[in-house]
Amino acid sequence: MYSLKTGILIKEMEGHTDSVTCMVVDGLILITGSDDSSIRLWNLENFTPSGVVGSHEAAVRSLLIIYESGLLLSVGLERNVKCWVY
């Protein structure tokens, strides 16, 4: 996490083992998808990991929150779309 004002690194968020390819935010929850095929939750109040939603068989390419339902859609490079309750 970098400061927009100074460009200085504020906090390093560790969890994925490869590049982050997509992200969405729901309030103080950040959800990230990665080339490591995992989907992870992060707490934006203290920038800590909150858990793993799940994974694909290949890299995660896109995430979409359906806010009214509490559902998260993810698309993997293996061409599967998955629906998650988060």
N, C-alpha and C. Protein backbone atom coordinates (compact mmCIF):
# COMPACT_ATOMS: atom_id res chain seq x y z
N MET A 1 0.86 -1.16 0.00
CA MET A 1 0.00 0.00 0.00
C MET A 1 0.91 1.23 0.00
N TYR A 2 0.67 2.12 -0.95
CA TYR A 2 1.48 3.33 -1.08
C TYR A 2 0.65 4.57 -0.78
N SER A 3 1.29 5.60 -0.27
CA SER A 3 0.66 6.89 -0.06
C SER A 3 0.51 7.58 -1.41
N LEU A 4 -0.68 8.09 -1.70
CA LEU A 4 -0.90 8.84 -2.94
C LEU A 4 -0.17 10.18 -2.92
N LYS A 5 -0.04 10.76 -1.72
CA LYS A 5 0.61 12.07 -1.59
C LYS A 5 2.12 11.99 -1.77
N THR A 6 2.75 11.00 -1.13
CA THR A 6 4.21 10.95 -1.12
C THR A 6 4.81 9.86 -2.00
N GLY A 7 4.00 8.85 -2.35
CA GLY A 7 4.50 7.73 -3.12
C GLY A 7 5.32 6.75 -2.29
N ILE A 8 5.32 6.95 -0.98
CA ILE A 8 6.10 6.10 -0.08
C ILE A 8 5.28 4.86 0.30
N LEU A 9 5.96 3.72 0.39
CA LEU A 9 5.34 2.47 0.81
C LEU A 9 4.91 2.59 2.26
N ILE A 10 3.61 2.35 2.52
CA ILE A 10 3.06 2.43 3.87
C ILE A 10 3.04 1.05 4.51
N LYS A 11 2.56 0.07 3.77
CA LYS A 11 2.39 -1.28 4.31
C LYS A 11 2.48 -2.28 3.17
N GLU A 12 3.24 -3.33 3.38
CA GLU A 12 3.32 -4.41 2.40
C GLU A 12 2.31 -5.48 2.80
N MET A 13 1.45 -5.83 1.87
CA MET A 13 0.41 -6.82 2.14
C MET A 13 0.85 -8.15 1.51
N GLU A 14 1.21 -9.10 2.35
CA GLU A 14 1.74 -10.37 1.87
C GLU A 14 0.70 -11.47 1.95
N GLY A 15 0.66 -12.31 0.93
CA GLY A 15 -0.28 -13.43 0.92
C GLY A 15 -0.25 -14.19 -0.39
N HIS A 16 -0.41 -13.47 -1.50
CA HIS A 16 -0.33 -14.11 -2.81
C HIS A 16 1.12 -14.51 -3.11
N THR A 17 1.27 -15.58 -3.87
CA THR A 17 2.61 -16.04 -4.24
C THR A 17 2.99 -15.66 -5.67
N ASP A 18 2.10 -14.89 -6.33
CA ASP A 18 2.37 -14.41 -7.68
C ASP A 18 1.66 -13.07 -7.85
N SER A 19 1.73 -12.49 -9.02
CA SER A 19 1.18 -11.15 -9.27
C SER A 19 -0.32 -11.07 -9.02
N VAL A 20 -0.75 -9.94 -8.46
CA VAL A 20 -2.18 -9.64 -8.32
C VAL A 20 -2.67 -9.15 -9.67
N THR A 21 -3.75 -9.74 -10.18
CA THR A 21 -4.25 -9.43 -11.52
C THR A 21 -5.54 -8.64 -11.52
N CYS A 22 -6.28 -8.66 -10.38
CA CYS A 22 -7.55 -7.93 -10.31
C CYS A 22 -7.93 -7.71 -8.86
N MET A 23 -8.77 -6.71 -8.63
CA MET A 23 -9.23 -6.43 -7.27
C MET A 23 -10.54 -5.69 -7.30
N VAL A 24 -11.31 -5.87 -6.22
CA VAL A 24 -12.56 -5.14 -6.01
C VAL A 24 -12.62 -4.78 -4.53
N VAL A 25 -13.38 -3.73 -4.23
CA VAL A 25 -13.52 -3.26 -2.84
C VAL A 25 -14.99 -3.24 -2.47
N ASP A 26 -15.26 -3.71 -1.25
CA ASP A 26 -16.60 -3.62 -0.66
C ASP A 26 -16.43 -3.04 0.74
N GLY A 27 -16.63 -1.74 0.86
CA GLY A 27 -16.43 -1.08 2.15
C GLY A 27 -14.97 -1.16 2.57
N LEU A 28 -14.71 -1.81 3.69
CA LEU A 28 -13.34 -1.96 4.19
C LEU A 28 -12.76 -3.33 3.88
N ILE A 29 -13.37 -4.02 2.91
CA ILE A 29 -12.86 -5.33 2.48
C ILE A 29 -12.31 -5.20 1.07
N LEU A 30 -11.06 -5.60 0.90
CA LEU A 30 -10.44 -5.68 -0.42
C LEU A 30 -10.40 -7.15 -0.81
N ILE A 31 -10.81 -7.45 -2.03
CA ILE A 31 -10.76 -8.82 -2.55
C ILE A 31 -9.83 -8.81 -3.75
N THR A 32 -8.84 -9.70 -3.75
CA THR A 32 -7.85 -9.74 -4.83
C THR A 32 -7.80 -11.10 -5.49
N GLY A 33 -7.55 -11.08 -6.80
CA GLY A 33 -7.32 -12.30 -7.57
C GLY A 33 -5.90 -12.26 -8.09
N SER A 34 -5.32 -13.44 -8.33
CA SER A 34 -3.90 -13.49 -8.63
C SER A 34 -3.54 -14.54 -9.68
N ASP A 35 -2.33 -14.38 -10.22
CA ASP A 35 -1.77 -15.39 -11.10
C ASP A 35 -1.51 -16.70 -10.35
N ASP A 36 -1.50 -16.66 -9.01
CA ASP A 36 -1.32 -17.90 -8.23
C ASP A 36 -2.62 -18.70 -8.13
N SER A 37 -3.69 -18.23 -8.77
CA SER A 37 -5.02 -18.84 -8.89
C SER A 37 -5.91 -18.65 -7.65
N SER A 38 -5.43 -17.93 -6.64
CA SER A 38 -6.23 -17.75 -5.43
C SER A 38 -6.97 -16.42 -5.42
N ILE A 39 -8.04 -16.39 -4.61
CA ILE A 39 -8.82 -15.18 -4.36
C ILE A 39 -8.75 -14.95 -2.86
N ARG A 40 -8.27 -13.76 -2.47
CA ARG A 40 -8.03 -13.48 -1.05
C ARG A 40 -8.79 -12.25 -0.57
N LEU A 41 -9.12 -12.26 0.72
CA LEU A 41 -9.77 -11.14 1.40
C LEU A 41 -8.75 -10.40 2.25
N TRP A 42 -8.90 -9.06 2.30
CA TRP A 42 -8.00 -8.21 3.08
C TRP A 42 -8.82 -7.21 3.88
N ASN A 43 -8.40 -6.93 5.10
CA ASN A 43 -9.02 -5.92 5.94
C ASN A 43 -8.32 -4.59 5.67
N LEU A 44 -9.04 -3.61 5.18
CA LEU A 44 -8.43 -2.32 4.84
C LEU A 44 -8.29 -1.38 6.03
N GLU A 45 -8.82 -1.75 7.18
CA GLU A 45 -8.59 -0.93 8.38
C GLU A 45 -7.16 -1.08 8.87
N ASN A 46 -6.64 -2.32 8.81
CA ASN A 46 -5.29 -2.56 9.31
C ASN A 46 -4.39 -3.24 8.28
N PHE A 47 -4.90 -3.37 7.04
CA PHE A 47 -4.13 -3.93 5.92
C PHE A 47 -3.62 -5.35 6.20
N THR A 48 -4.47 -6.16 6.81
CA THR A 48 -4.09 -7.54 7.11
C THR A 48 -4.95 -8.52 6.32
N PRO A 49 -4.42 -9.73 6.08
CA PRO A 49 -5.21 -10.73 5.37
C PRO A 49 -6.37 -11.22 6.24
N SER A 50 -7.52 -11.47 5.60
CA SER A 50 -8.69 -11.94 6.32
C SER A 50 -9.10 -13.35 5.90
N GLY A 51 -8.42 -13.90 4.91
CA GLY A 51 -8.74 -15.28 4.51
C GLY A 51 -8.67 -15.47 3.02
N VAL A 52 -8.91 -16.71 2.63
CA VAL A 52 -8.93 -17.09 1.22
C VAL A 52 -10.35 -17.45 0.85
N VAL A 53 -10.88 -16.82 -0.19
CA VAL A 53 -12.23 -17.12 -0.66
C VAL A 53 -12.24 -18.48 -1.34
N GLY A 54 -11.28 -18.72 -2.22
CA GLY A 54 -11.19 -19.96 -2.98
C GLY A 54 -10.15 -19.83 -4.07
N SER A 55 -10.22 -20.71 -5.05
CA SER A 55 -9.21 -20.66 -6.12
C SER A 55 -9.77 -21.21 -7.42
N HIS A 56 -9.06 -20.93 -8.48
CA HIS A 56 -9.33 -21.46 -9.81
C HIS A 56 -8.23 -22.45 -10.16
N GLU A 57 -8.38 -23.12 -11.29
CA GLU A 57 -7.34 -24.04 -11.76
C GLU A 57 -6.22 -23.30 -12.50
N ALA A 58 -6.46 -22.04 -12.80
CA ALA A 58 -5.47 -21.19 -13.49
C ALA A 58 -5.59 -19.78 -12.90
N ALA A 59 -4.83 -18.86 -13.44
CA ALA A 59 -4.81 -17.49 -12.93
C ALA A 59 -6.20 -16.87 -12.92
N VAL A 60 -6.46 -16.04 -11.91
CA VAL A 60 -7.73 -15.31 -11.80
C VAL A 60 -7.59 -14.03 -12.64
N ARG A 61 -8.55 -13.79 -13.52
CA ARG A 61 -8.47 -12.66 -14.44
C ARG A 61 -9.44 -11.53 -14.13
N SER A 62 -10.57 -11.84 -13.46
CA SER A 62 -11.55 -10.78 -13.22
C SER A 62 -12.40 -11.12 -12.00
N LEU A 63 -12.80 -10.08 -11.28
CA LEU A 63 -13.68 -10.21 -10.12
C LEU A 63 -14.82 -9.20 -10.25
N LEU A 64 -16.01 -9.58 -9.80
CA LEU A 64 -17.16 -8.69 -9.81
C LEU A 64 -18.00 -8.97 -8.58
N ILE A 65 -18.30 -7.92 -7.82
CA ILE A 65 -19.17 -8.05 -6.66
C ILE A 65 -20.60 -7.71 -7.08
N ILE A 66 -21.55 -8.54 -6.67
CA ILE A 66 -22.98 -8.22 -6.82
C ILE A 66 -23.41 -7.77 -5.43
N TYR A 67 -23.36 -6.47 -5.19
CA TYR A 67 -23.47 -5.90 -3.86
C TYR A 67 -24.74 -6.27 -3.10
N GLU A 68 -25.87 -6.27 -3.74
CA GLU A 68 -27.13 -6.53 -3.04
C GLU A 68 -27.24 -7.97 -2.54
N SER A 69 -26.46 -8.87 -3.11
CA SER A 69 -26.61 -10.30 -2.80
C SER A 69 -25.49 -10.88 -1.96
N GLY A 70 -24.37 -10.16 -1.80
CA GLY A 70 -23.23 -10.72 -1.09
C GLY A 70 -22.48 -11.76 -1.90
N LEU A 71 -22.66 -11.72 -3.22
CA LEU A 71 -22.00 -12.70 -4.09
C LEU A 71 -20.81 -12.07 -4.81
N LEU A 72 -19.82 -12.88 -5.06
CA LEU A 72 -18.63 -12.50 -5.80
C LEU A 72 -18.49 -13.43 -6.99
N LEU A 73 -18.34 -12.88 -8.18
CA LEU A 73 -18.09 -13.68 -9.38
C LEU A 73 -16.62 -13.56 -9.72
N SER A 74 -16.02 -14.68 -10.12
CA SER A 74 -14.62 -14.67 -10.53
C SER A 74 -14.48 -15.43 -11.84
N VAL A 75 -13.50 -14.99 -12.64
CA VAL A 75 -13.22 -15.63 -13.92
C VAL A 75 -11.75 -16.04 -13.91
N GLY A 76 -11.51 -17.30 -14.24
CA GLY A 76 -10.15 -17.80 -14.31
C GLY A 76 -9.70 -17.97 -15.75
N LEU A 77 -8.40 -18.03 -15.93
CA LEU A 77 -7.82 -18.20 -17.26
C LEU A 77 -8.22 -19.54 -17.89
N GLU A 78 -8.68 -20.48 -17.07
CA GLU A 78 -9.13 -21.77 -17.58
C GLU A 78 -10.54 -21.68 -18.19
N ARG A 79 -11.09 -20.44 -18.21
CA ARG A 79 -12.38 -20.12 -18.81
C ARG A 79 -13.59 -20.53 -17.96
N ASN A 80 -13.39 -20.65 -16.67
CA ASN A 80 -14.50 -20.94 -15.76
C ASN A 80 -14.92 -19.67 -15.04
N VAL A 81 -16.22 -19.54 -14.83
CA VAL A 81 -16.78 -18.48 -14.00
C VAL A 81 -17.29 -19.15 -12.73
N LYS A 82 -16.88 -18.63 -11.58
CA LYS A 82 -17.31 -19.20 -10.31
C LYS A 82 -18.05 -18.13 -9.51
N CYS A 83 -19.01 -18.58 -8.72
CA CYS A 83 -19.80 -17.70 -7.86
C CYS A 83 -19.51 -18.05 -6.41
N TRP A 84 -19.18 -17.05 -5.60
CA TRP A 84 -18.80 -17.23 -4.22
C TRP A 84 -19.67 -16.38 -3.32
N VAL A 85 -19.97 -16.89 -2.11
CA VAL A 85 -20.57 -16.07 -1.06
C VAL A 85 -19.42 -15.64 -0.17
N TYR A 86 -19.26 -14.33 0.03
CA TYR A 86 -18.13 -13.87 0.84
C TYR A 86 -18.58 -13.13 2.08
